[in-house]
């Protein structure tokens, strides 16, 4: 069920971009796997962190759980820095993926996301933490809210601000940032 809501970002982004032109539609289609990869790094770090937390709680070492969370956050920072540095290689990666004619549009979409990976890493780390605690209701509500916010912001950034493909990624970043701040709280 949660995967449906997580895939909602891609569906919403592709829907609004398809209203622009076919070249933008293709550019987003090529770029979505790379965005998904960033989110999956966050999920993986969340699962690993939660595995440590579960063991520590089971052993009665409640104070050690804070250390595990801190290590998860540090790991997110390290992975985020690597993603930011990999922005320099994005054009080559896109060409290898077959986006030769739409590299510029794909870069317009991916550059803001690759420069703000911490939003997605921490979002997925914290959602995974809530899921590991058995709090799937809150994570589902958060995912629905984030998708609705993204659905509202996409046309505003694309058509009102006239940001085109870059507006789609900015809307995605902002909607995830809002919920990441909430999760951090």
C-alpha atoms as a PDB file:
ATOM      1  CA  UNK A   1       0.000   0.000   0.000  1.00  0.00           C
ATOM      2  CA  UNK A   2       2.757   2.443   0.906  1.00  0.00           C
ATOM      3  CA  UNK A   3       4.543   1.747  -2.376  1.00  0.00           C
ATOM      4  CA  UNK A   4       1.508   3.071  -4.234  1.00  0.00           C
ATOM      5  CA  UNK A   5       1.755   6.383  -2.390  1.00  0.00           C
ATOM      6  CA  UNK A   6       5.520   6.518  -2.840  1.00  0.00           C
ATOM      7  CA  UNK A   7       5.069   5.977  -6.584  1.00  0.00           C
ATOM      8  CA  UNK A   8       2.559   8.839  -6.502  1.00  0.00           C
ATOM      9  CA  UNK A   9       5.367  11.376  -6.833  1.00  0.00           C
ATOM     10  CA  UNK A  10       6.364   9.962 -10.188  1.00  0.00           C
ATOM     11  CA  UNK A  11       2.775   9.713 -11.390  1.00  0.00           C
ATOM     12  CA  UNK A  12       1.994  13.287 -10.395  1.00  0.00           C
ATOM     13  CA  UNK A  13       5.209  14.653 -11.903  1.00  0.00           C
ATOM     14  CA  UNK A  14       4.751  12.745 -15.149  1.00  0.00           C
ATOM     15  CA  UNK A  15       1.105  13.815 -15.404  1.00  0.00           C
ATOM     16  CA  UNK A  16       1.909  17.522 -15.163  1.00  0.00           C
ATOM     17  CA  UNK A  17       4.961  17.289 -17.399  1.00  0.00           C
ATOM     18  CA  UNK A  18       2.906  15.473 -20.046  1.00  0.00           C
ATOM     19  CA  UNK A  19       0.812  18.654 -20.248  1.00  0.00           C
ATOM     20  CA  UNK A  20       3.913  20.515 -21.450  1.00  0.00           C
ATOM     21  CA  UNK A  21       5.368  18.505 -24.363  1.00  0.00           C
ATOM     22  CA  UNK A  22       6.595  15.029 -25.291  1.00  0.00           C
ATOM     23  CA  UNK A  23      10.288  15.928 -24.961  1.00  0.00           C
ATOM     24  CA  UNK A  24       9.778  16.997 -21.327  1.00  0.00           C
ATOM     25  CA  UNK A  25       7.773  13.832 -20.717  1.00  0.00           C
ATOM     26  CA  UNK A  26      10.662  11.708 -21.996  1.00  0.00           C
ATOM     27  CA  UNK A  27      13.212  13.702 -19.983  1.00  0.00           C
ATOM     28  CA  UNK A  28      11.328  13.068 -16.741  1.00  0.00           C
ATOM     29  CA  UNK A  29      10.839   9.401 -17.618  1.00  0.00           C
ATOM     30  CA  UNK A  30      14.582   8.935 -18.004  1.00  0.00           C
ATOM     31  CA  UNK A  31      15.332  10.832 -14.786  1.00  0.00           C
ATOM     32  CA  UNK A  32      12.816   9.162 -12.439  1.00  0.00           C
ATOM     33  CA  UNK A  33      14.969   6.042 -11.794  1.00  0.00           C
ATOM     34  CA  UNK A  34      17.800   8.253 -10.532  1.00  0.00           C
ATOM     35  CA  UNK A  35      15.427  10.078  -8.175  1.00  0.00           C
ATOM     36  CA  UNK A  36      14.085   6.725  -6.975  1.00  0.00           C
ATOM     37  CA  UNK A  37      17.662   5.637  -6.309  1.00  0.00           C
ATOM     38  CA  UNK A  38      18.207   8.581  -3.966  1.00  0.00           C
ATOM     39  CA  UNK A  39      15.036   7.729  -2.041  1.00  0.00           C
ATOM     40  CA  UNK A  40      16.081   4.092  -1.823  1.00  0.00           C
ATOM     41  CA  UNK A  41      19.426   5.071  -0.305  1.00  0.00           C
ATOM     42  CA  UNK A  42      17.441   6.799   2.448  1.00  0.00           C
ATOM     43  CA  UNK A  43      15.190   3.768   2.914  1.00  0.00           C
ATOM     44  CA  UNK A  44      18.199   1.463   3.108  1.00  0.00           C
ATOM     45  CA  UNK A  45      19.845   3.655   5.718  1.00  0.00           C
ATOM     46  CA  UNK A  46      16.542   3.722   7.606  1.00  0.00           C
ATOM     47  CA  UNK A  47      16.207  -0.066   7.575  1.00  0.00           C
ATOM     48  CA  UNK A  48      19.809  -0.522   8.737  1.00  0.00           C
ATOM     49  CA  UNK A  49      19.416   2.071  11.481  1.00  0.00           C
ATOM     50  CA  UNK A  50      16.175   0.500  12.637  1.00  0.00           C
ATOM     51  CA  UNK A  51      17.748  -2.933  12.741  1.00  0.00           C
ATOM     52  CA  UNK A  52      20.343  -1.594  15.170  1.00  0.00           C
ATOM     53  CA  UNK A  53      17.695   0.197  17.226  1.00  0.00           C
ATOM     54  CA  UNK A  54      15.540  -2.940  17.458  1.00  0.00           C
ATOM     55  CA  UNK A  55      18.448  -5.030  18.702  1.00  0.00           C
ATOM     56  CA  UNK A  56      19.401  -2.415  21.276  1.00  0.00           C
ATOM     57  CA  UNK A  57      15.834  -2.127  22.554  1.00  0.00           C
ATOM     58  CA  UNK A  58      15.639  -5.932  22.725  1.00  0.00           C
ATOM     59  CA  UNK A  59      18.822  -5.999  24.798  1.00  0.00           C
ATOM     60  CA  UNK A  60      17.488  -3.271  27.070  1.00  0.00           C
ATOM     61  CA  UNK A  61      20.086  -0.726  25.932  1.00  0.00           C
ATOM     62  CA  UNK A  62      17.695   2.172  25.395  1.00  0.00           C
ATOM     63  CA  UNK A  63      20.445   4.803  25.713  1.00  0.00           C
ATOM     64  CA  UNK A  64      22.365   3.183  22.845  1.00  0.00           C
ATOM     65  CA  UNK A  65      19.452   3.778  20.460  1.00  0.00           C
ATOM     66  CA  UNK A  66      20.328   7.473  20.315  1.00  0.00           C
ATOM     67  CA  UNK A  67      23.806   6.538  19.149  1.00  0.00           C
ATOM     68  CA  UNK A  68      22.314   4.392  16.363  1.00  0.00           C
ATOM     69  CA  UNK A  69      20.039   7.209  15.216  1.00  0.00           C
ATOM     70  CA  UNK A  70      23.027   9.565  15.211  1.00  0.00           C
ATOM     71  CA  UNK A  71      24.977   7.108  13.042  1.00  0.00           C
ATOM     72  CA  UNK A  72      22.006   6.905  10.640  1.00  0.00           C
ATOM     73  CA  UNK A  73      21.945  10.689  10.369  1.00  0.00           C
ATOM     74  CA  UNK A  74      25.708  10.833   9.791  1.00  0.00           C
ATOM     75  CA  UNK A  75      25.406   8.135   7.115  1.00  0.00           C
ATOM     76  CA  UNK A  76      22.710  10.247   5.417  1.00  0.00           C
ATOM     77  CA  UNK A  77      25.076  13.225   5.402  1.00  0.00           C
ATOM     78  CA  UNK A  78      27.887  11.151   3.864  1.00  0.00           C
ATOM     79  CA  UNK A  79      25.628   9.655   1.171  1.00  0.00           C
ATOM     80  CA  UNK A  80      24.133  13.110   0.517  1.00  0.00           C
ATOM     81  CA  UNK A  81      27.577  14.610  -0.044  1.00  0.00           C
ATOM     82  CA  UNK A  82      28.444  11.810  -2.477  1.00  0.00           C
ATOM     83  CA  UNK A  83      25.196  12.453  -4.379  1.00  0.00           C
ATOM     84  CA  UNK A  84      25.926  16.179  -4.559  1.00  0.00           C
ATOM     85  CA  UNK A  85      29.411  15.447  -5.931  1.00  0.00           C
ATOM     86  CA  UNK A  86      27.947  13.039  -8.494  1.00  0.00           C
ATOM     87  CA  UNK A  87      25.981  15.925 -10.038  1.00  0.00           C
ATOM     88  CA  UNK A  88      29.084  16.641 -12.130  1.00  0.00           C
ATOM     89  CA  UNK A  89      28.683  13.230 -13.791  1.00  0.00           C
ATOM     90  CA  UNK A  90      24.943  13.442 -14.450  1.00  0.00           C
ATOM     91  CA  UNK A  91      25.169  14.357 -18.151  1.00  0.00           C
ATOM     92  CA  UNK A  92      27.336  11.309 -18.830  1.00  0.00           C
ATOM     93  CA  UNK A  93      25.044   9.059 -16.798  1.00  0.00           C
ATOM     94  CA  UNK A  94      22.017  10.333 -18.709  1.00  0.00           C
ATOM     95  CA  UNK A  95      23.709   9.682 -22.053  1.00  0.00           C
ATOM     96  CA  UNK A  96      24.476   6.122 -20.923  1.00  0.00           C
ATOM     97  CA  UNK A  97      20.790   5.774 -20.025  1.00  0.00           C
ATOM     98  CA  UNK A  98      19.787   6.783 -23.538  1.00  0.00           C
ATOM     99  CA  UNK A  99      18.719  10.388 -22.982  1.00  0.00           C
ATOM    100  CA  UNK A 100      20.913  11.830 -25.711  1.00  0.00           C
ATOM    101  CA  UNK A 101      18.286  14.195 -27.123  1.00  0.00           C
ATOM    102  CA  UNK A 102      16.906  15.324 -23.777  1.00  0.00           C
ATOM    103  CA  UNK A 103      19.973  15.635 -21.566  1.00  0.00           C
ATOM    104  CA  UNK A 104      19.362  19.367 -21.024  1.00  0.00           C
ATOM    105  CA  UNK A 105      15.743  18.864 -19.901  1.00  0.00           C
ATOM    106  CA  UNK A 106      16.684  15.900 -17.721  1.00  0.00           C
ATOM    107  CA  UNK A 107      19.432  18.012 -16.145  1.00  0.00           C
ATOM    108  CA  UNK A 108      16.925  20.792 -15.428  1.00  0.00           C
ATOM    109  CA  UNK A 109      14.848  18.239 -13.521  1.00  0.00           C
ATOM    110  CA  UNK A 110      17.671  16.355 -11.806  1.00  0.00           C
ATOM    111  CA  UNK A 111      20.059  19.146 -10.812  1.00  0.00           C
ATOM    112  CA  UNK A 112      17.877  20.617  -8.029  1.00  0.00           C
ATOM    113  CA  UNK A 113      17.132  17.120  -6.710  1.00  0.00           C
ATOM    114  CA  UNK A 114      20.791  16.067  -6.773  1.00  0.00           C
ATOM    115  CA  UNK A 115      21.762  19.305  -5.014  1.00  0.00           C
ATOM    116  CA  UNK A 116      19.145  18.732  -2.268  1.00  0.00           C
ATOM    117  CA  UNK A 117      19.480  14.989  -1.558  1.00  0.00           C
ATOM    118  CA  UNK A 118      19.305  15.463   2.209  1.00  0.00           C
ATOM    119  CA  UNK A 119      15.588  16.199   1.959  1.00  0.00           C
ATOM    120  CA  UNK A 120      14.902  12.796   0.401  1.00  0.00           C
ATOM    121  CA  UNK A 121      17.442  10.890   2.470  1.00  0.00           C
ATOM    122  CA  UNK A 122      16.146  12.178   5.790  1.00  0.00           C
ATOM    123  CA  UNK A 123      12.516  11.913   4.691  1.00  0.00           C
ATOM    124  CA  UNK A 124      13.008   8.213   3.912  1.00  0.00           C
ATOM    125  CA  UNK A 125      15.170   7.608   6.996  1.00  0.00           C
ATOM    126  CA  UNK A 126      12.511   9.033   9.305  1.00  0.00           C
ATOM    127  CA  UNK A 127       9.596   7.321   7.515  1.00  0.00           C
ATOM    128  CA  UNK A 128      11.450   4.009   7.789  1.00  0.00           C
ATOM    129  CA  UNK A 129      12.005   4.647  11.490  1.00  0.00           C
ATOM    130  CA  UNK A 130       8.286   5.183  12.055  1.00  0.00           C
ATOM    131  CA  UNK A 131       7.464   2.043  10.059  1.00  0.00           C
ATOM    132  CA  UNK A 132       9.959   0.011  12.100  1.00  0.00           C
ATOM    133  CA  UNK A 133       8.242   1.213  15.255  1.00  0.00           C
ATOM    134  CA  UNK A 134       4.999  -0.176  13.839  1.00  0.00           C
ATOM    135  CA  UNK A 135       3.524   3.245  13.147  1.00  0.00           C
ATOM    136  CA  UNK A 136       2.309   2.634   9.608  1.00  0.00           C
ATOM    137  CA  UNK A 137      -0.763   4.846  10.067  1.00  0.00           C
ATOM    138  CA  UNK A 138       1.322   8.005  10.517  1.00  0.00           C
ATOM    139  CA  UNK A 139       3.618   7.151   7.616  1.00  0.00           C
ATOM    140  CA  UNK A 140       0.625   6.571   5.337  1.00  0.00           C
ATOM    141  CA  UNK A 141      -0.888   9.927   6.309  1.00  0.00           C
ATOM    142  CA  UNK A 142       2.459  11.641   5.729  1.00  0.00           C
ATOM    143  CA  UNK A 143       2.855  10.029   2.300  1.00  0.00           C
ATOM    144  CA  UNK A 144      -0.688  11.017   1.284  1.00  0.00           C
ATOM    145  CA  UNK A 145      -0.151  14.589   2.494  1.00  0.00           C
ATOM    146  CA  UNK A 146       3.172  14.854   0.666  1.00  0.00           C
ATOM    147  CA  UNK A 147       1.623  13.599  -2.573  1.00  0.00           C
ATOM    148  CA  UNK A 148      -1.304  16.010  -2.305  1.00  0.00           C
ATOM    149  CA  UNK A 149       1.072  18.901  -1.626  1.00  0.00           C
ATOM    150  CA  UNK A 150       3.183  17.866  -4.624  1.00  0.00           C
ATOM    151  CA  UNK A 151       0.024  17.634  -6.752  1.00  0.00           C
ATOM    152  CA  UNK A 152      -0.875  21.212  -5.807  1.00  0.00           C
ATOM    153  CA  UNK A 153       2.632  22.669  -6.160  1.00  0.00           C
ATOM    154  CA  UNK A 154       3.505  21.074  -9.520  1.00  0.00           C
ATOM    155  CA  UNK A 155       1.146  23.160 -11.696  1.00  0.00           C
ATOM    156  CA  UNK A 156       1.986  26.302  -9.722  1.00  0.00           C
ATOM    157  CA  UNK A 157       5.733  25.915 -10.283  1.00  0.00           C
ATOM    158  CA  UNK A 158       5.357  24.720 -13.895  1.00  0.00           C
ATOM    159  CA  UNK A 159       2.701  27.057 -15.248  1.00  0.00           C
ATOM    160  CA  UNK A 160       2.354  29.998 -12.850  1.00  0.00           C
ATOM    161  CA  UNK A 161       6.061  30.543 -12.143  1.00  0.00           C
ATOM    162  CA  UNK A 162       6.850  29.245 -15.650  1.00  0.00           C
ATOM    163  CA  UNK A 163       9.746  27.107 -14.381  1.00  0.00           C
ATOM    164  CA  UNK A 164       8.949  24.168 -16.667  1.00  0.00           C
ATOM    165  CA  UNK A 165      10.680  20.883 -15.899  1.00  0.00           C
ATOM    166  CA  UNK A 166      12.746  22.445 -13.119  1.00  0.00           C
ATOM    167  CA  UNK A 167       9.481  23.484 -11.427  1.00  0.00           C
ATOM    168  CA  UNK A 168       8.494  19.832 -11.123  1.00  0.00           C
ATOM    169  CA  UNK A 169      11.629  19.000  -9.163  1.00  0.00           C
ATOM    170  CA  UNK A 170      11.304  22.133  -7.017  1.00  0.00           C
ATOM    171  CA  UNK A 171       7.720  21.172  -6.144  1.00  0.00           C
ATOM    172  CA  UNK A 172       8.872  17.674  -5.222  1.00  0.00           C
ATOM    173  CA  UNK A 173      11.685  19.028  -3.061  1.00  0.00           C
ATOM    174  CA  UNK A 174       9.416  21.523  -1.277  1.00  0.00           C
ATOM    175  CA  UNK A 175       6.659  18.982  -0.586  1.00  0.00           C
ATOM    176  CA  UNK A 176       9.211  16.527   0.797  1.00  0.00           C
ATOM    177  CA  UNK A 177      10.919  19.267   2.808  1.00  0.00           C
ATOM    178  CA  UNK A 178       7.665  20.196   4.555  1.00  0.00           C
ATOM    179  CA  UNK A 179       7.089  16.637   5.690  1.00  0.00           C
ATOM    180  CA  UNK A 180      10.771  16.095   6.543  1.00  0.00           C
ATOM    181  CA  UNK A 181      10.621  19.064   8.895  1.00  0.00           C
ATOM    182  CA  UNK A 182       7.475  17.597  10.454  1.00  0.00           C
ATOM    183  CA  UNK A 183       9.163  14.201  10.824  1.00  0.00           C
ATOM    184  CA  UNK A 184      12.221  15.829  12.345  1.00  0.00           C
ATOM    185  CA  UNK A 185       9.955  17.456  14.915  1.00  0.00           C
END
